[in-house]
Amino acid sequence: RKRLERGVDPAVMHHQALLGSTAIVVARVDEHGGRVKIGGELWSARTSDGHAAIEPGTRVTVLSISGATAVVVAQD
């Protein structure tokens, strides 16, 4: 086990570092999909269940990452 763990970097993985960050909607986001810009990178995105569609230009918060899709909610 020591040999396996020796090469593991304890730093936060890239997608985990994005949780709680602010993103900007670049293509309308709803429960089926959309696009956001997170730290200069474009990501596929969707709203969390039960949330209304979010229009381009709106700031959102990243709640989680599901595969290669950011689950977001609009900021107040």
Protein backbone atom coordinates (compact mmCIF):
# COMPACT_ATOMS: atom_id res chain seq x y z
CA ARG A 1 0.00 0.00 0.00
CA LYS A 2 2.83 2.41 0.77
CA ARG A 3 4.18 1.99 -2.76
CA LEU A 4 0.77 2.79 -4.24
CA GLU A 5 0.20 5.89 -2.12
CA ARG A 6 3.72 7.24 -2.60
CA GLY A 7 2.90 8.59 -6.08
CA VAL A 8 -0.48 10.09 -5.13
CA ASP A 9 -0.53 13.86 -4.89
CA PRO A 10 -2.73 14.91 -1.94
CA ALA A 11 -3.59 18.20 -3.68
CA VAL A 12 -7.23 18.77 -4.62
CA MET A 13 -8.15 17.33 -8.02
CA HIS A 14 -8.98 19.92 -10.72
CA HIS A 15 -12.74 19.32 -10.76
CA GLN A 16 -12.96 19.38 -6.96
CA ALA A 17 -11.22 22.75 -6.90
CA LEU A 18 -14.08 24.17 -9.02
CA LEU A 19 -16.79 23.45 -6.45
CA GLY A 20 -18.23 26.69 -5.09
CA SER A 21 -16.55 28.80 -7.77
CA THR A 22 -18.28 31.47 -9.84
CA ALA A 23 -18.95 30.94 -13.55
CA ILE A 24 -20.57 33.02 -16.30
CA VAL A 25 -23.33 31.57 -18.49
CA VAL A 26 -22.39 31.82 -22.19
CA ALA A 27 -25.27 29.74 -23.61
CA ARG A 28 -28.66 29.40 -21.87
CA VAL A 29 -28.48 26.77 -19.12
CA ASP A 30 -31.47 24.64 -18.13
CA GLU A 31 -31.98 21.15 -16.73
CA HIS A 32 -31.04 19.64 -20.10
CA GLY A 33 -27.82 21.54 -20.78
CA GLY A 34 -26.03 24.76 -21.65
CA ARG A 35 -22.52 26.27 -21.49
CA VAL A 36 -20.64 28.23 -18.83
CA LYS A 37 -17.17 29.72 -18.58
CA ILE A 38 -15.30 28.69 -15.44
CA GLY A 39 -11.92 30.34 -14.97
CA GLY A 40 -11.44 30.87 -18.70
CA GLU A 41 -12.52 27.34 -19.69
CA LEU A 42 -15.83 26.46 -21.37
CA TRP A 43 -17.82 23.72 -19.66
CA SER A 44 -21.09 21.96 -20.39
CA ALA A 45 -23.55 22.81 -17.65
CA ARG A 46 -27.04 22.15 -16.38
CA THR A 47 -29.14 23.52 -13.55
CA SER A 48 -29.79 21.49 -10.45
CA ASP A 49 -33.19 19.82 -10.37
CA GLY A 50 -36.15 22.18 -10.10
CA HIS A 51 -34.27 25.39 -10.91
CA ALA A 52 -35.35 27.71 -13.71
CA ALA A 53 -33.34 28.31 -16.88
CA ILE A 54 -30.45 30.77 -16.59
CA GLU A 55 -29.77 33.28 -19.36
CA PRO A 56 -26.37 34.26 -20.86
CA GLY A 57 -24.35 36.79 -18.87
CA THR A 58 -25.66 35.57 -15.51
CA ARG A 59 -23.20 34.68 -12.74
CA VAL A 60 -23.70 31.18 -11.35
CA THR A 61 -22.16 29.06 -8.59
CA VAL A 62 -20.82 25.58 -9.34
CA LEU A 63 -22.55 23.12 -6.99
CA SER A 64 -20.99 19.93 -8.32
CA ILE A 65 -19.35 18.31 -11.30
CA SER A 66 -21.15 15.35 -12.87
CA GLY A 67 -18.84 13.72 -15.40
CA ALA A 68 -17.79 16.63 -17.62
CA THR A 69 -20.85 18.73 -16.76
CA ALA A 70 -21.02 21.46 -14.14
CA VAL A 71 -24.22 21.56 -12.09
CA VAL A 72 -24.91 25.23 -11.36
CA VAL A 73 -27.34 27.58 -9.64
CA ALA A 74 -27.84 31.30 -10.30
CA GLN A 75 -26.31 33.75 -7.83
CA ASP A 76 -28.65 36.26 -6.18
